[in-house]
Amino acid sequence: MRRLYTLLFYAALPLVFLRLLWRSRRNPAYRMRWRERLGYCNVGLPTGAIWIHAVSVGESQAAEPLIRQLQTDFPERTLLVTTTTPTGADHVAKLFGDAVIHCYFPLDLPFAVRRFLDQAKPAMLLMMETEIWPNLLGECASRGVPTLLANARLSAKSARGYSRLGSFARAVFAGIDHVAAQSEEDAERFRALGVPPERVAITGSLKFDVRLPASLFEQAEVIRRGFGHRPVWIAASTRDGEEEPILKAHRRILRAIPGALLLLVPRHPERFNNVAQLCKRQGFSLVRRSDREACAPRTEIYLGDSMGEMSLLLAASDVAFFGGSLMKFGGHNFLEAAAMGMPVTFGPHMFNFATISRMFLEQGAAVEIDSAESLASIMIRWLNNAGERSRVGEKGRTLVARNKGAREKLMALVTRMLR
């Protein structure tokens, strides 16, 4: 079955590169460094590096506390971080600079995987969240490179999809050396798919181990002063098709609270221009962060079209809506906002964060909305009621603090694997 998977991947290879070219129309970085995707990572790595794979921005953000702890506990080890997307690469560079080595993740084809492992010679492979690559896992097993699926999660939908692959999926999952699951539900799904029970541990989510430096709030205060004395709400990590209901909600909010400002932050940079045009077509007064223009009192929308500043814009807001949840994208991580003591809301499609979102809803630390009308309603309520805003935000902050500790559990597991 793995041979069939490989043959199908080879057949699809032209489509893979055509897709990269297609995406490069909006982000030219997709045309660059293709050799790395074919397994060439000629960066002079010493033997024994710790290899961390984080697909894109969200995964690299979640991996930050773990990577910083690895730097502290294993200063003699080189850290190799791979991503799949250019935005992930940019985020790694912003977080760590030259303190880690970055390469693009090799395609899961035998020649690319072998070439990459020949050059990288890692002591172990740590994959973030849900990265299941049959050829890579098989080659690591044959070379004795231990593998750890960290901060691991698996939705019920994904588990059903893997289960349809029968013995092939079970053989692949059985080849993972350790799974550090976010929750008991995730752990049970991994066990059901073939990971031996003794290899599955529940370590919680790294996303709770949020780091909020004082300098973040100092910089955010500068931005906030530029907005003037008015209420500010943020729509963070919005996806295609979500801006229309968000703008509809903002129009309602402006009728109830004249002067309210929306910080609109699309998830993907290749959509920045399209979202800006949509706002202007709908008659909103817009300022773009990238233009570094002053935000005038008449400005209705501030477009966050810069990279790596989500934390800053969150800290400059009063309340937050998180995208990827009105449409069926699975939602995005809202824990940083919660750690700031900010009330958060999201749509009904949070299947990538099912356990965490359910926890917040049950504790009254977040609100779920399903339409422009319900989004406008909760935002108007929160923006008009500082007391309720504070109570809901404090519940979220408490939940984040109570669930910290995944980093320490993961580090104990990594230390055992490197002995």
Foldseek 3Di string as FASTA:
>chain_A
DVVVVQVVCVVCVVVVLVVLVVVCVLPVCSVPQVVLQQADDPPQADAAAEEEEAAADQRVQLCLVLVVVCCVVPVVHAYEYEYADPLRVVQCCVRQNPSHHYTHHYDLHQSNLVSNCVRNNHQAYEYEEDDQRQSNLVVCLVVVHAYEHAQYAAFPVRLVVLVVVPPVQQVSLCSHQAYAYQDPVRLVSSVVRHHPNVRYHHLHGSLLVDDDDPVLLVLLVVVLVLLPPFAEEEAEQADPPPVVLQVVLLVVLCVLGPQYAYEYEHNDLSCQVVSVVVCVVVPAAEDEVVVVDGQDSRHHYYYDNDRPCPLSVLSNHQAYEWHCALDQNQTGDPLSSLLVLFEYEYEHRNSVCVVVVVVLVVQLLYYYDHTSVRVSVVVNVCSVDVVVRNVSSVSSSVVSVVRDGSSVVVVVVVVVSSD
